[in-house]
C-alpha atoms as a PDB file:
ATOM      1  CA  PHE A   1      89.380  31.082 -42.370  1.00  0.00           C
ATOM      2  CA  PHE A   2      88.944  29.138 -39.168  1.00  0.00           C
ATOM      3  CA  LEU A   3      87.196  25.840 -38.612  1.00  0.00           C
ATOM      4  CA  THR A   4      85.647  25.971 -35.100  1.00  0.00           C
ATOM      5  CA  PRO A   5      82.853  24.130 -33.539  1.00  0.00           C
ATOM      6  CA  ALA A   6      81.543  27.396 -32.023  1.00  0.00           C
ATOM      7  CA  PHE A   7      79.762  28.202 -35.264  1.00  0.00           C
ATOM      8  CA  ALA A   8      77.717  25.008 -34.979  1.00  0.00           C
ATOM      9  CA  LEU A   9      76.518  25.974 -31.479  1.00  0.00           C
ATOM     10  CA  GLY A  10      74.116  28.656 -32.523  1.00  0.00           C
ATOM     11  CA  SER A  11      76.371  31.694 -33.144  1.00  0.00           C
ATOM     12  CA  PRO A  12      74.618  34.758 -34.788  1.00  0.00           C
ATOM     13  CA  PRO A  13      74.677  34.906 -38.653  1.00  0.00           C
ATOM     14  CA  LEU A  14      77.646  37.102 -39.120  1.00  0.00           C
ATOM     15  CA  GLY A  15      76.655  38.176 -42.624  1.00  0.00           C
ATOM     16  CA  THR A  16      73.713  40.033 -41.108  1.00  0.00           C
ATOM     17  CA  MET A  17      75.637  42.242 -38.625  1.00  0.00           C
ATOM     18  CA  ASP A  18      76.777  45.845 -39.176  1.00  0.00           C
ATOM     19  CA  SER A  19      80.341  45.116 -40.118  1.00  0.00           C
ATOM     20  CA  ARG A  20      81.751  48.412 -39.107  1.00  0.00           C
ATOM     21  CA  LYS A  21      80.338  47.981 -35.535  1.00  0.00           C
ATOM     22  CA  VAL A  22      81.273  44.405 -35.198  1.00  0.00           C
ATOM     23  CA  PHE A  23      84.489  44.064 -37.001  1.00  0.00           C
ATOM     24  CA  ALA A  24      86.123  47.431 -36.284  1.00  0.00           C
ATOM     25  CA  PRO A  25      85.552  48.072 -32.547  1.00  0.00           C
ATOM     26  CA  PRO A  26      86.809  51.335 -31.075  1.00  0.00           C
ATOM     27  CA  LEU A  27      89.059  49.493 -28.683  1.00  0.00           C
ATOM     28  CA  ARG A  28      91.964  47.196 -29.583  1.00  0.00           C
ATOM     29  CA  ALA A  29      90.673  43.695 -29.677  1.00  0.00           C
ATOM     30  CA  GLY A  30      92.951  42.481 -26.839  1.00  0.00           C
ATOM     31  CA  ARG A  31      92.067  45.433 -24.655  1.00  0.00           C
ATOM     32  CA  ARG A  32      88.380  45.094 -25.268  1.00  0.00           C
ATOM     33  CA  SER A  33      88.435  41.364 -24.315  1.00  0.00           C
ATOM     34  CA  ARG A  34      90.414  42.063 -21.124  1.00  0.00           C
ATOM     35  CA  CYS A  35      88.003  44.803 -20.322  1.00  0.00           C
ATOM     36  CA  LEU A  36      85.035  42.482 -20.850  1.00  0.00           C
ATOM     37  CA  GLY A  37      86.600  39.768 -18.655  1.00  0.00           C
ATOM     38  CA  ALA A  38      87.600  42.211 -15.902  1.00  0.00           C
ATOM     39  CA  ALA A  39      84.006  43.747 -15.940  1.00  0.00           C
ATOM     40  CA  LEU A  40      82.557  40.284 -15.406  1.00  0.00           C
ATOM     41  CA  LEU A  41      84.903  39.561 -12.619  1.00  0.00           C
ATOM     42  CA  GLY A  42      84.290  42.914 -11.034  1.00  0.00           C
ATOM     43  CA  LEU A  43      80.460  42.301 -11.106  1.00  0.00           C
ATOM     44  CA  ALA A  44      81.118  39.071  -9.331  1.00  0.00           C
ATOM     45  CA  ALA A  45      83.160  40.775  -6.626  1.00  0.00           C
ATOM     46  CA  LEU A  46      80.635  43.467  -6.126  1.00  0.00           C
ATOM     47  CA  ALA A  47      77.786  40.853  -5.822  1.00  0.00           C
ATOM     48  CA  VAL A  48      79.822  39.082  -3.066  1.00  0.00           C
ATOM     49  CA  PHE A  49      80.488  42.234  -1.096  1.00  0.00           C
ATOM     50  CA  ALA A  50      76.849  43.239  -1.377  1.00  0.00           C
ATOM     51  CA  ALA A  51      75.871  39.906  -0.077  1.00  0.00           C
ATOM     52  CA  GLU A  52      78.213  39.785   2.961  1.00  0.00           C
ATOM     53  CA  PRO A  53      80.208  42.829   4.058  1.00  0.00           C
ATOM     54  CA  ASP A  54      82.510  40.768   6.143  1.00  0.00           C
ATOM     55  CA  PHE A  55      83.396  38.563   3.207  1.00  0.00           C
ATOM     56  CA  VAL A  56      87.251  38.222   2.950  1.00  0.00           C
ATOM     57  CA  ALA A  57      88.459  37.468  -0.639  1.00  0.00           C
ATOM     58  CA  PRO A  58      91.115  34.755  -1.007  1.00  0.00           C
ATOM     59  CA  PRO A  59      94.601  35.973  -1.441  1.00  0.00           C
ATOM     60  CA  GLN A  60      95.807  36.789  -4.962  1.00  0.00           C
ATOM     61  CA  ALA A  61      97.508  33.849  -6.540  1.00  0.00           C
ATOM     62  CA  ALA A  62     100.947  33.927  -8.160  1.00  0.00           C
ATOM     63  CA  ARG A  63     101.058  35.075 -11.773  1.00  0.00           C
ATOM     64  CA  ARG A  64     100.489  32.319 -14.245  1.00  0.00           C
ATOM     65  CA  SER A  65      99.813  31.806 -17.898  1.00  0.00           C
ATOM     66  CA  SER A  66      96.470  33.108 -19.377  1.00  0.00           C
ATOM     67  CA  LEU A  67      94.955  29.709 -19.660  1.00  0.00           C
ATOM     68  CA  GLN A  68      95.929  28.784 -16.098  1.00  0.00           C
ATOM     69  CA  GLN A  69      94.627  32.061 -14.777  1.00  0.00           C
ATOM     70  CA  GLY A  70      91.322  31.438 -16.621  1.00  0.00           C
ATOM     71  CA  ILE A  71      90.947  27.961 -15.240  1.00  0.00           C
ATOM     72  CA  GLN A  72      91.831  29.183 -11.681  1.00  0.00           C
ATOM     73  CA  THR A  73      89.333  31.952 -11.939  1.00  0.00           C
ATOM     74  CA  ALA A  74      86.654  29.417 -12.925  1.00  0.00           C
ATOM     75  CA  VAL A  75      87.195  27.169  -9.983  1.00  0.00           C
ATOM     76  CA  LEU A  76      87.060  30.134  -7.596  1.00  0.00           C
ATOM     77  CA  ALA A  77      83.346  29.706  -7.887  1.00  0.00           C
ATOM     78  CA  SER A  78      83.616  26.793  -5.431  1.00  0.00           C
ATOM     79  CA  PRO A  79      85.265  28.744  -2.458  1.00  0.00           C
ATOM     80  CA  LEU A  80      82.735  31.507  -3.086  1.00  0.00           C
ATOM     81  CA  LEU A  81      79.840  29.252  -2.566  1.00  0.00           C
ATOM     82  CA  GLY A  82      81.172  28.378   1.012  1.00  0.00           C
ATOM     83  CA  ALA A  83      82.457  31.707   1.842  1.00  0.00           C
ATOM     84  CA  LEU A  84      79.237  33.298   3.242  1.00  0.00           C
ATOM     85  CA  PRO A  85      78.323  32.232   6.832  1.00  0.00           C
ATOM     86  CA  ALA A  86      75.221  30.014   7.313  1.00  0.00           C
ATOM     87  CA  GLN A  87      71.995  31.554   8.577  1.00  0.00           C
ATOM     88  CA  ALA A  88      71.467  30.983  12.231  1.00  0.00           C
ATOM     89  CA  ASP A  89      67.720  30.638  12.360  1.00  0.00           C
ATOM     90  CA  ALA A  90      65.119  28.828  10.310  1.00  0.00           C
ATOM     91  CA  GLY A  91      63.326  32.050   9.609  1.00  0.00           C
ATOM     92  CA  ALA A  92      66.143  33.045   7.278  1.00  0.00           C
ATOM     93  CA  ALA A  93      65.466  30.128   4.862  1.00  0.00           C
ATOM     94  CA  ALA A  94      63.986  32.346   2.155  1.00  0.00           C
ATOM     95  CA  ALA A  95      66.975  34.731   2.561  1.00  0.00           C
ATOM     96  CA  ALA A  96      69.371  31.764   2.215  1.00  0.00           C
ATOM     97  CA  ALA A  97      67.507  30.548  -0.959  1.00  0.00           C
ATOM     98  CA  SER A  98      67.875  34.035  -2.483  1.00  0.00           C
ATOM     99  CA  GLN A  99      71.506  34.110  -1.513  1.00  0.00           C
ATOM    100  CA  ASP A 100      71.913  30.753  -3.309  1.00  0.00           C
ATOM    101  CA  HIS A 101      70.507  32.293  -6.435  1.00  0.00           C
ATOM    102  CA  LEU A 102      72.943  35.305  -5.966  1.00  0.00           C
ATOM    103  CA  LEU A 103      75.913  33.027  -5.573  1.00  0.00           C
ATOM    104  CA  GLY A 104      74.882  30.981  -8.700  1.00  0.00           C
ATOM    105  CA  GLY A 105      74.956  34.271 -10.621  1.00  0.00           C
ATOM    106  CA  VAL A 106      78.317  35.155  -8.982  1.00  0.00           C
ATOM    107  CA  ALA A 107      79.704  31.715 -10.053  1.00  0.00           C
ATOM    108  CA  PHE A 108      78.514  32.370 -13.577  1.00  0.00           C
ATOM    109  CA  LEU A 109      80.120  35.790 -13.772  1.00  0.00           C
ATOM    110  CA  VAL A 110      83.378  34.458 -12.464  1.00  0.00           C
ATOM    111  CA  VAL A 111      83.430  31.517 -14.889  1.00  0.00           C
ATOM    112  CA  ALA A 112      82.426  33.816 -17.873  1.00  0.00           C
ATOM    113  CA  GLY A 113      85.078  36.376 -16.903  1.00  0.00           C
ATOM    114  CA  GLY A 114      87.688  33.798 -16.562  1.00  0.00           C
ATOM    115  CA  ALA A 115      86.659  32.185 -19.912  1.00  0.00           C
ATOM    116  CA  VAL A 116      86.775  35.455 -21.787  1.00  0.00           C
ATOM    117  CA  LEU A 117      90.245  36.255 -20.351  1.00  0.00           C
ATOM    118  CA  ALA A 118      91.595  32.809 -21.131  1.00  0.00           C
ATOM    119  CA  LEU A 119      90.026  32.316 -24.640  1.00  0.00           C
ATOM    120  CA  THR A 120      90.955  35.857 -25.907  1.00  0.00           C
ATOM    121  CA  ALA A 121      94.460  36.084 -24.489  1.00  0.00           C
ATOM    122  CA  ASP A 122      97.272  36.039 -27.019  1.00  0.00           C
ATOM    123  CA  SER A 123      98.569  32.597 -27.683  1.00  0.00           C
ATOM    124  CA  PRO A 124     102.072  31.689 -26.393  1.00  0.00           C
ATOM    125  CA  THR A 125     104.737  32.374 -29.017  1.00  0.00           C
ATOM    126  CA  GLU A 126     107.328  29.855 -30.041  1.00  0.00           C
ATOM    127  CA  SER A 127     109.934  29.834 -32.714  1.00  0.00           C
ATOM    128  CA  VAL A 128     108.634  28.597 -35.982  1.00  0.00           C
ATOM    129  CA  ASN A 129     109.492  29.156 -39.585  1.00  0.00           C
ATOM    130  CA  ASP A 130     106.049  30.092 -40.876  1.00  0.00           C
ATOM    131  CA  LYS A 131     107.293  30.536 -44.504  1.00  0.00           C
ATOM    132  CA  LYS A 132     108.656  26.930 -44.662  1.00  0.00           C
ATOM    133  CA  VAL A 133     105.675  25.400 -42.947  1.00  0.00           C
ATOM    134  CA  VAL A 134     103.189  27.145 -45.465  1.00  0.00           C
ATOM    135  CA  GLU A 135     105.368  26.203 -48.491  1.00  0.00           C
ATOM    136  CA  ASN A 136     105.486  22.487 -47.417  1.00  0.00           C
ATOM    137  CA  TYR A 137     101.776  22.419 -46.565  1.00  0.00           C
ATOM    138  CA  PHE A 138     100.583  23.855 -49.799  1.00  0.00           C
ATOM    139  CA  ASN A 139     102.978  21.694 -51.870  1.00  0.00           C
ATOM    140  CA  ASN A 140     101.624  18.482 -50.297  1.00  0.00           C
ATOM    141  CA  GLU A 141      98.475  17.676 -48.251  1.00  0.00           C
ATOM    142  CA  GLY A 142      97.380  21.334 -48.265  1.00  0.00           C
ATOM    143  CA  PHE A 143      97.340  21.428 -52.123  1.00  0.00           C
ATOM    144  CA  GLU A 144      95.034  18.425 -52.400  1.00  0.00           C
ATOM    145  CA  ARG A 145      92.636  20.023 -49.922  1.00  0.00           C
ATOM    146  CA  TRP A 146      92.646  23.570 -51.150  1.00  0.00           C
ATOM    147  CA  GLN A 147      92.544  22.833 -54.771  1.00  0.00           C
ATOM    148  CA  LYS A 148      89.278  21.032 -54.220  1.00  0.00           C
ATOM    149  CA  ILE A 149      87.977  23.909 -52.098  1.00  0.00           C
ATOM    150  CA  TYR A 150      88.916  26.431 -54.813  1.00  0.00           C
ATOM    151  CA  GLY A 151      87.418  24.197 -57.624  1.00  0.00           C
ATOM    152  CA  GLU A 152      83.952  23.511 -58.780  1.00  0.00           C
ATOM    153  CA  LYS A 153      83.492  19.808 -58.208  1.00  0.00           C
ATOM    154  CA  ASP A 154      81.088  18.450 -55.595  1.00  0.00           C
ATOM    155  CA  ASP A 155      83.780  16.237 -53.829  1.00  0.00           C
ATOM    156  CA  VAL A 156      83.830  18.563 -50.827  1.00  0.00           C
ATOM    157  CA  ASN A 157      82.275  18.360 -47.378  1.00  0.00           C
ATOM    158  CA  ALA A 158      79.871  20.950 -45.921  1.00  0.00           C
ATOM    159  CA  VAL A 159      82.555  22.992 -44.271  1.00  0.00           C
ATOM    160  CA  GLN A 160      84.852  23.046 -47.354  1.00  0.00           C
ATOM    161  CA  LYS A 161      81.866  24.129 -49.447  1.00  0.00           C
ATOM    162  CA  ASP A 162      81.155  26.904 -47.047  1.00  0.00           C
ATOM    163  CA  ILE A 163      84.709  28.133 -47.269  1.00  0.00           C
ATOM    164  CA  ARG A 164      84.557  27.890 -51.056  1.00  0.00           C
ATOM    165  CA  VAL A 165      81.379  30.179 -51.011  1.00  0.00           C
ATOM    166  CA  GLY A 166      83.016  32.634 -48.711  1.00  0.00           C
ATOM    167  CA  HIS A 167      86.215  32.883 -50.799  1.00  0.00           C
ATOM    168  CA  ALA A 168      84.170  33.249 -53.899  1.00  0.00           C
ATOM    169  CA  GLU A 169      82.271  36.060 -52.403  1.00  0.00           C
ATOM    170  CA  THR A 170      85.499  37.947 -51.650  1.00  0.00           C
ATOM    171  CA  VAL A 171      86.719  37.404 -55.176  1.00  0.00           C
ATOM    172  CA  ASP A 172      83.339  38.659 -56.556  1.00  0.00           C
ATOM    173  CA  LYS A 173      83.616  41.851 -54.538  1.00  0.00           C
ATOM    174  CA  ILE A 174      87.141  42.551 -55.873  1.00  0.00           C
ATOM    175  CA  LEU A 175      85.876  41.990 -59.435  1.00  0.00           C
ATOM    176  CA  LYS A 176      83.080  44.489 -58.942  1.00  0.00           C
ATOM    177  CA  TRP A 177      85.776  46.977 -57.915  1.00  0.00           C
ATOM    178  CA  LEU A 178      87.963  45.999 -60.814  1.00  0.00           C
ATOM    179  CA  ASP A 179      85.545  46.008 -63.647  1.00  0.00           C
ATOM    180  CA  PRO A 180      86.516  45.545 -67.334  1.00  0.00           C
ATOM    181  CA  ALA A 181      86.435  49.415 -67.871  1.00  0.00           C
ATOM    182  CA  THR A 182      88.807  49.973 -64.877  1.00  0.00           C
ATOM    183  CA  ILE A 183      91.248  47.142 -65.370  1.00  0.00           C
ATOM    184  CA  ALA A 184      91.557  46.447 -69.139  1.00  0.00           C
ATOM    185  CA  GLY A 185      95.068  47.051 -70.194  1.00  0.00           C
ATOM    186  CA  LYS A 186      96.360  47.560 -66.668  1.00  0.00           C
ATOM    187  CA  SER A 187      99.140  45.581 -65.038  1.00  0.00           C
ATOM    188  CA  VAL A 188      98.059  43.465 -62.039  1.00  0.00           C
ATOM    189  CA  CYS A 189     100.134  41.571 -59.466  1.00  0.00           C
ATOM    190  CA  ASP A 190      98.083  38.750 -57.838  1.00  0.00           C
ATOM    191  CA  ALA A 191     100.397  38.083 -54.819  1.00  0.00           C
ATOM    192  CA  GLY A 192      99.443  34.651 -53.471  1.00  0.00           C
ATOM    193  CA  CYS A 193      97.414  33.711 -56.435  1.00  0.00           C
ATOM    194  CA  GLY A 194      96.589  30.099 -55.260  1.00  0.00           C
ATOM    195  CA  THR A 195      94.871  28.244 -58.085  1.00  0.00           C
ATOM    196  CA  GLY A 196      94.090  31.451 -60.050  1.00  0.00           C
ATOM    197  CA  ASN A 197      90.597  32.266 -58.818  1.00  0.00           C
ATOM    198  CA  LEU A 198      91.273  35.977 -59.175  1.00  0.00           C
ATOM    199  CA  SER A 199      94.031  35.993 -61.765  1.00  0.00           C
ATOM    200  CA  ILE A 200      91.976  34.220 -64.431  1.00  0.00           C
ATOM    201  CA  PRO A 201      88.880  36.354 -64.424  1.00  0.00           C
ATOM    202  CA  LEU A 202      91.038  39.550 -64.269  1.00  0.00           C
ATOM    203  CA  ALA A 203      92.961  38.277 -67.290  1.00  0.00           C
ATOM    204  CA  SER A 204      89.694  37.603 -69.126  1.00  0.00           C
ATOM    205  CA  ARG A 205      88.820  41.214 -68.610  1.00  0.00           C
ATOM    206  CA  GLY A 206      91.919  42.425 -70.431  1.00  0.00           C
ATOM    207  CA  ALA A 207      94.266  42.954 -67.472  1.00  0.00           C
ATOM    208  CA  ILE A 208      97.930  42.030 -67.864  1.00  0.00           C
ATOM    209  CA  VAL A 209      98.243  39.673 -64.860  1.00  0.00           C
ATOM    210  CA  SER A 210     101.335  38.439 -63.040  1.00  0.00           C
ATOM    211  CA  GLY A 211     100.277  35.682 -60.497  1.00  0.00           C
ATOM    212  CA  SER A 212     102.641  34.223 -57.894  1.00  0.00           C
ATOM    213  CA  ASP A 213     102.391  31.877 -55.076  1.00  0.00           C
ATOM    214  CA  ILE A 214     104.824  30.207 -52.589  1.00  0.00           C
ATOM    215  CA  SER A 215     103.492  26.796 -53.659  1.00  0.00           C
ATOM    216  CA  SER A 216     104.734  25.430 -57.062  1.00  0.00           C
ATOM    217  CA  ALA A 217     101.826  23.020 -56.981  1.00  0.00           C
ATOM    218  CA  MET A 218      99.339  25.809 -56.709  1.00  0.00           C
ATOM    219  CA  VAL A 219     100.981  27.761 -59.530  1.00  0.00           C
ATOM    220  CA  GLY A 220     100.890  24.721 -61.759  1.00  0.00           C
ATOM    221  CA  GLU A 221      97.151  24.228 -61.085  1.00  0.00           C
ATOM    222  CA  ALA A 222      96.499  27.962 -61.783  1.00  0.00           C
ATOM    223  CA  ALA A 223      98.328  27.613 -65.164  1.00  0.00           C
ATOM    224  CA  GLU A 224      96.351  24.565 -66.256  1.00  0.00           C
ATOM    225  CA  ARG A 225      92.981  26.099 -65.218  1.00  0.00           C
ATOM    226  CA  ALA A 226      93.951  29.401 -67.215  1.00  0.00           C
ATOM    227  CA  LYS A 227      94.892  27.316 -70.348  1.00  0.00           C
ATOM    228  CA  SER A 228      91.383  25.657 -70.266  1.00  0.00           C
ATOM    229  CA  VAL A 229      89.437  28.912 -70.392  1.00  0.00           C
ATOM    230  CA  LEU A 230      91.661  31.797 -71.656  1.00  0.00           C
ATOM    231  CA  LYS A 231      93.143  32.703 -75.034  1.00  0.00           C
ATOM    232  CA  GLU A 232      96.903  32.483 -75.502  1.00  0.00           C
ATOM    233  CA  ASP A 233      97.215  36.344 -75.580  1.00  0.00           C
ATOM    234  CA  GLN A 234      95.245  36.595 -72.248  1.00  0.00           C
ATOM    235  CA  MET A 235      97.359  34.149 -70.302  1.00  0.00           C
ATOM    236  CA  PRO A 236      98.819  35.494 -66.925  1.00  0.00           C
ATOM    237  CA  LYS A 237     102.332  35.072 -66.158  1.00  0.00           C
ATOM    238  CA  PHE A 238     102.585  32.575 -63.304  1.00  0.00           C
ATOM    239  CA  ALA A 239     105.641  32.154 -61.057  1.00  0.00           C
ATOM    240  CA  THR A 240     106.584  30.490 -57.834  1.00  0.00           C
ATOM    241  CA  SER A 241     107.620  33.100 -55.274  1.00  0.00           C
ATOM    242  CA  ASP A 242     107.018  34.259 -51.751  1.00  0.00           C
ATOM    243  CA  LEU A 243     105.667  37.738 -51.204  1.00  0.00           C
ATOM    244  CA  GLU A 244     109.082  39.061 -49.836  1.00  0.00           C
ATOM    245  CA  ALA A 245     110.773  38.265 -53.158  1.00  0.00           C
ATOM    246  CA  LEU A 246     108.307  40.077 -55.391  1.00  0.00           C
ATOM    247  CA  ASP A 247     109.498  43.159 -57.176  1.00  0.00           C
ATOM    248  CA  GLY A 248     108.611  45.511 -60.021  1.00  0.00           C
ATOM    249  CA  LYS A 249     105.758  48.027 -60.398  1.00  0.00           C
ATOM    250  CA  TYR A 250     102.198  47.300 -61.185  1.00  0.00           C
ATOM    251  CA  ASP A 251      99.062  49.439 -61.583  1.00  0.00           C
ATOM    252  CA  THR A 252      97.183  47.219 -59.080  1.00  0.00           C
ATOM    253  CA  VAL A 253      98.441  44.760 -56.475  1.00  0.00           C
ATOM    254  CA  CYS A 254      96.027  42.254 -55.043  1.00  0.00           C
ATOM    255  CA  CYS A 255      96.912  40.067 -51.938  1.00  0.00           C
ATOM    256  CA  VAL A 256      93.754  37.991 -51.032  1.00  0.00           C
ATOM    257  CA  ASP A 257      93.559  35.685 -47.892  1.00  0.00           C
ATOM    258  CA  VAL A 258      97.443  35.620 -47.570  1.00  0.00           C
ATOM    259  CA  LEU A 259      98.248  37.812 -44.637  1.00  0.00           C
ATOM    260  CA  ILE A 260      96.668  35.115 -42.380  1.00  0.00           C
ATOM    261  CA  HIS A 261     100.116  33.346 -42.731  1.00  0.00           C
ATOM    262  CA  TYR A 262     102.041  36.380 -41.456  1.00  0.00           C
ATOM    263  CA  PRO A 263     102.473  37.061 -37.730  1.00  0.00           C
ATOM    264  CA  PRO A 264     101.437  40.540 -36.447  1.00  0.00           C
ATOM    265  CA  ASP A 265     104.977  41.640 -36.084  1.00  0.00           C
ATOM    266  CA  LYS A 266     105.608  41.122 -39.782  1.00  0.00           C
ATOM    267  CA  MET A 267     102.297  42.363 -40.995  1.00  0.00           C
ATOM    268  CA  ALA A 268     103.138  46.092 -41.225  1.00  0.00           C
ATOM    269  CA  GLY A 269     106.371  45.370 -43.187  1.00  0.00           C
ATOM    270  CA  MET A 270     104.627  43.205 -45.637  1.00  0.00           C
ATOM    271  CA  VAL A 271     101.803  45.836 -46.205  1.00  0.00           C
ATOM    272  CA  ARG A 272     104.481  48.452 -46.867  1.00  0.00           C
ATOM    273  CA  HIS A 273     106.321  46.117 -49.211  1.00  0.00           C
ATOM    274  CA  LEU A 274     103.074  45.352 -51.203  1.00  0.00           C
ATOM    275  CA  ALA A 275     102.245  48.994 -51.406  1.00  0.00           C
ATOM    276  CA  GLY A 276     105.743  49.677 -52.817  1.00  0.00           C
ATOM    277  CA  LEU A 277     104.858  47.356 -55.696  1.00  0.00           C
ATOM    278  CA  SER A 278     101.733  49.253 -56.581  1.00  0.00           C
ATOM    279  CA  LYS A 279     101.330  52.514 -58.538  1.00  0.00           C
ATOM    280  CA  ASP A 280      97.572  53.211 -58.373  1.00  0.00           C
ATOM    281  CA  ARG A 281      95.807  50.643 -56.086  1.00  0.00           C
ATOM    282  CA  LEU A 282      96.422  47.965 -53.395  1.00  0.00           C
ATOM    283  CA  VAL A 283      93.702  45.399 -52.573  1.00  0.00           C
ATOM    284  CA  LEU A 284      94.042  43.398 -49.350  1.00  0.00           C
ATOM    285  CA  SER A 285      92.078  40.847 -47.485  1.00  0.00           C
ATOM    286  CA  PHE A 286      92.828  39.476 -43.984  1.00  0.00           C
ATOM    287  CA  ALA A 287      91.134  37.817 -41.072  1.00  0.00           C
ATOM    288  CA  PRO A 288      90.156  40.594 -38.685  1.00  0.00           C
ATOM    289  CA  LYS A 289      91.163  40.462 -35.103  1.00  0.00           C
ATOM    290  CA  THR A 290      88.218  41.214 -32.787  1.00  0.00           C
ATOM    291  CA  TRP A 291      87.428  39.710 -29.348  1.00  0.00           C
ATOM    292  CA  TYR A 292      84.719  37.672 -30.922  1.00  0.00           C
ATOM    293  CA  TYR A 293      86.785  36.027 -33.627  1.00  0.00           C
ATOM    294  CA  THR A 294      89.806  35.705 -31.205  1.00  0.00           C
ATOM    295  CA  ALA A 295      87.564  33.739 -28.878  1.00  0.00           C
ATOM    296  CA  LEU A 296      86.286  31.516 -31.733  1.00  0.00           C
ATOM    297  CA  LYS A 297      89.903  30.810 -32.852  1.00  0.00           C
ATOM    298  CA  ARG A 298      90.969  29.864 -29.387  1.00  0.00           C
ATOM    299  CA  ILE A 299      87.979  27.491 -29.038  1.00  0.00           C
ATOM    300  CA  GLY A 300      88.873  26.018 -32.432  1.00  0.00           C
ATOM    301  CA  GLU A 301      92.379  25.396 -31.160  1.00  0.00           C
ATOM    302  CA  LEU A 302      90.927  23.124 -28.451  1.00  0.00           C
ATOM    303  CA  PHE A 303      89.867  20.727 -31.239  1.00  0.00           C
ATOM    304  CA  PRO A 304      92.983  19.905 -33.256  1.00  0.00           C
ATOM    305  CA  GLY A 305      92.762  18.247 -36.511  1.00  0.00           C
ATOM    306  CA  LYS A 306      94.918  17.384 -39.554  1.00  0.00           C
ATOM    307  CA  SER A 307      93.488  20.290 -41.474  1.00  0.00           C
ATOM    308  CA  LYS A 308      95.099  22.714 -39.049  1.00  0.00           C
ATOM    309  CA  THR A 309      98.611  22.416 -40.166  1.00  0.00           C
ATOM    310  CA  THR A 310      99.615  26.061 -40.613  1.00  0.00           C
ATOM    311  CA  ARG A 311      99.285  28.767 -38.086  1.00  0.00           C
ATOM    312  CA  ALA A 312      96.437  31.334 -38.564  1.00  0.00           C
ATOM    313  CA  TYR A 313      97.070  35.012 -37.651  1.00  0.00           C
ATOM    314  CA  LEU A 314      94.425  37.537 -36.991  1.00  0.00           C
ATOM    315  CA  HIS A 315      95.146  41.253 -37.667  1.00  0.00           C
ATOM    316  CA  GLU A 316      93.528  44.271 -36.130  1.00  0.00           C
ATOM    317  CA  GLU A 317      91.974  46.456 -38.796  1.00  0.00           C
ATOM    318  CA  ASP A 318      93.180  49.813 -37.447  1.00  0.00           C
ATOM    319  CA  LEU A 319      96.789  48.424 -37.471  1.00  0.00           C
ATOM    320  CA  VAL A 320      96.466  47.398 -41.043  1.00  0.00           C
ATOM    321  CA  GLU A 321      95.228  50.865 -41.849  1.00  0.00           C
ATOM    322  CA  GLU A 322      98.149  52.389 -39.897  1.00  0.00           C
ATOM    323  CA  ALA A 323     100.574  50.258 -42.015  1.00  0.00           C
ATOM    324  CA  LEU A 324      98.841  51.553 -45.156  1.00  0.00           C
ATOM    325  CA  LYS A 325      99.082  55.208 -44.004  1.00  0.00           C
ATOM    326  CA  SER A 326     102.826  54.736 -43.258  1.00  0.00           C
ATOM    327  CA  ALA A 327     103.188  53.632 -46.860  1.00  0.00           C
ATOM    328  CA  GLY A 328     101.320  56.756 -48.060  1.00  0.00           C
ATOM    329  CA  TYR A 329      98.187  54.923 -48.887  1.00  0.00           C
ATOM    330  CA  GLN A 330      94.591  55.662 -47.787  1.00  0.00           C
ATOM    331  CA  VAL A 331      91.645  53.221 -47.565  1.00  0.00           C
ATOM    332  CA  THR A 332      89.005  54.083 -50.207  1.00  0.00           C
ATOM    333  CA  ARG A 333      86.696  51.165 -49.944  1.00  0.00           C
ATOM    334  CA  ARG A 334      85.985  48.301 -47.553  1.00  0.00           C
ATOM    335  CA  GLU A 335      83.845  45.078 -47.500  1.00  0.00           C
ATOM    336  CA  MET A 336      83.351  42.214 -45.064  1.00  0.00           C
ATOM    337  CA  THR A 337      82.691  38.607 -46.076  1.00  0.00           C
ATOM    338  CA  ALA A 338      81.434  36.277 -43.315  1.00  0.00           C
ATOM    339  CA  THR A 339      79.999  32.808 -43.652  1.00  0.00           C
ATOM    340  CA  ASN A 340      79.775  30.109 -41.143  1.00  0.00           C
ATOM    341  CA  PHE A 341      83.486  29.128 -41.509  1.00  0.00           C
ATOM    342  CA  TYR A 342      85.062  31.906 -43.439  1.00  0.00           C
ATOM    343  CA  PHE A 343      85.535  35.560 -42.585  1.00  0.00           C
ATOM    344  CA  SER A 344      87.707  38.175 -44.376  1.00  0.00           C
ATOM    345  CA  ARG A 345      88.007  41.972 -44.180  1.00  0.00           C
ATOM    346  CA  LEU A 346      88.662  43.437 -47.683  1.00  0.00           C
ATOM    347  CA  LEU A 347      90.256  46.822 -48.103  1.00  0.00           C
ATOM    348  CA  GLU A 348      91.021  48.929 -51.257  1.00  0.00           C
ATOM    349  CA  ALA A 349      93.698  51.622 -50.697  1.00  0.00           C
ATOM    350  CA  LYS A 350      95.107  54.192 -53.079  1.00  0.00           C
ATOM    351  CA  PRO A 351      98.016  56.628 -52.690  1.00  0.00           C
ATOM    352  CA  ALA A 352      96.878  59.454 -50.316  1.00  0.00           C
ATOM    353  CA  ALA A 353      98.071  62.165 -52.810  1.00  0.00           C
ATOM    354  CA  THR A 354      95.468  60.859 -55.469  1.00  0.00           C
ATOM    355  CA  THR A 355      92.579  60.674 -52.969  1.00  0.00           C
ATOM    356  CA  SER A 356      92.858  64.236 -51.576  1.00  0.00           C
END
């Protein structure tokens, strides 16, 4: 879901990667990134000591913020360049040249390690009412932007079109899971329905759909789009509501690309709440937290723009699965959608008692 210049700098095509290896690493994303940064810094230190046994490392600096530490680590390359004694005779010129190459490598390792630690560290937290921010955004400038992205007209730029394609791919994958034979006559809660991109095709397949969104503007747009393509007896019941206020019981509950607005400390509670609304199936999509995506998100944050009005939260896949397990649900299917500017992990979960 993140717009970051990093994708335009030659990043690998995410859709071609093995999603289980790339998007579900065995280590926690934060731990993995710290290990990578520490390893690079460790290699730099070993190179220095190998080059000069008498080298004395500068004293450890006072503890600072992650970004300050990363910047400080990067500039350590300069003292390292002057830390080794000059060669006394001209006959050591070749060795000195070799040592320069070594120090260049050391500087690179130091800078790379510091950058990894800084870019993948958790962002500082500050008090903010995410729910109010999201509601205001999607009822105002956010509505104008996203109703175009979720539409079919050509009045979108290249980035918005890419996000449209990514979101459509996620919806298509859900529709393959919820085919007409599976979903006809079943009750479905589309939690965070947006402009109805999932609610409308599910209703056309015979599902009894209840769609809700925190944005009244989005709900109104969804209803208008539904009226233009559905019969009266197929119409979903649309309502303005946040996820916390949803109640009732449904055969299937879908929550697509909404958890990005919920901070990690509220994610597990929301997953359990959604599971409590479902009788047979819960379908979730979220932005996965890996060291790679965390770094891209931090780089994107260095280029602020008016499109980045709401906070975007990544979630570790194993923690989402743990939340599902605590609610008595087990993951039965998973997919990954990744375009240049959109990435989303998709999970289908069912009550554990029905899958054993």
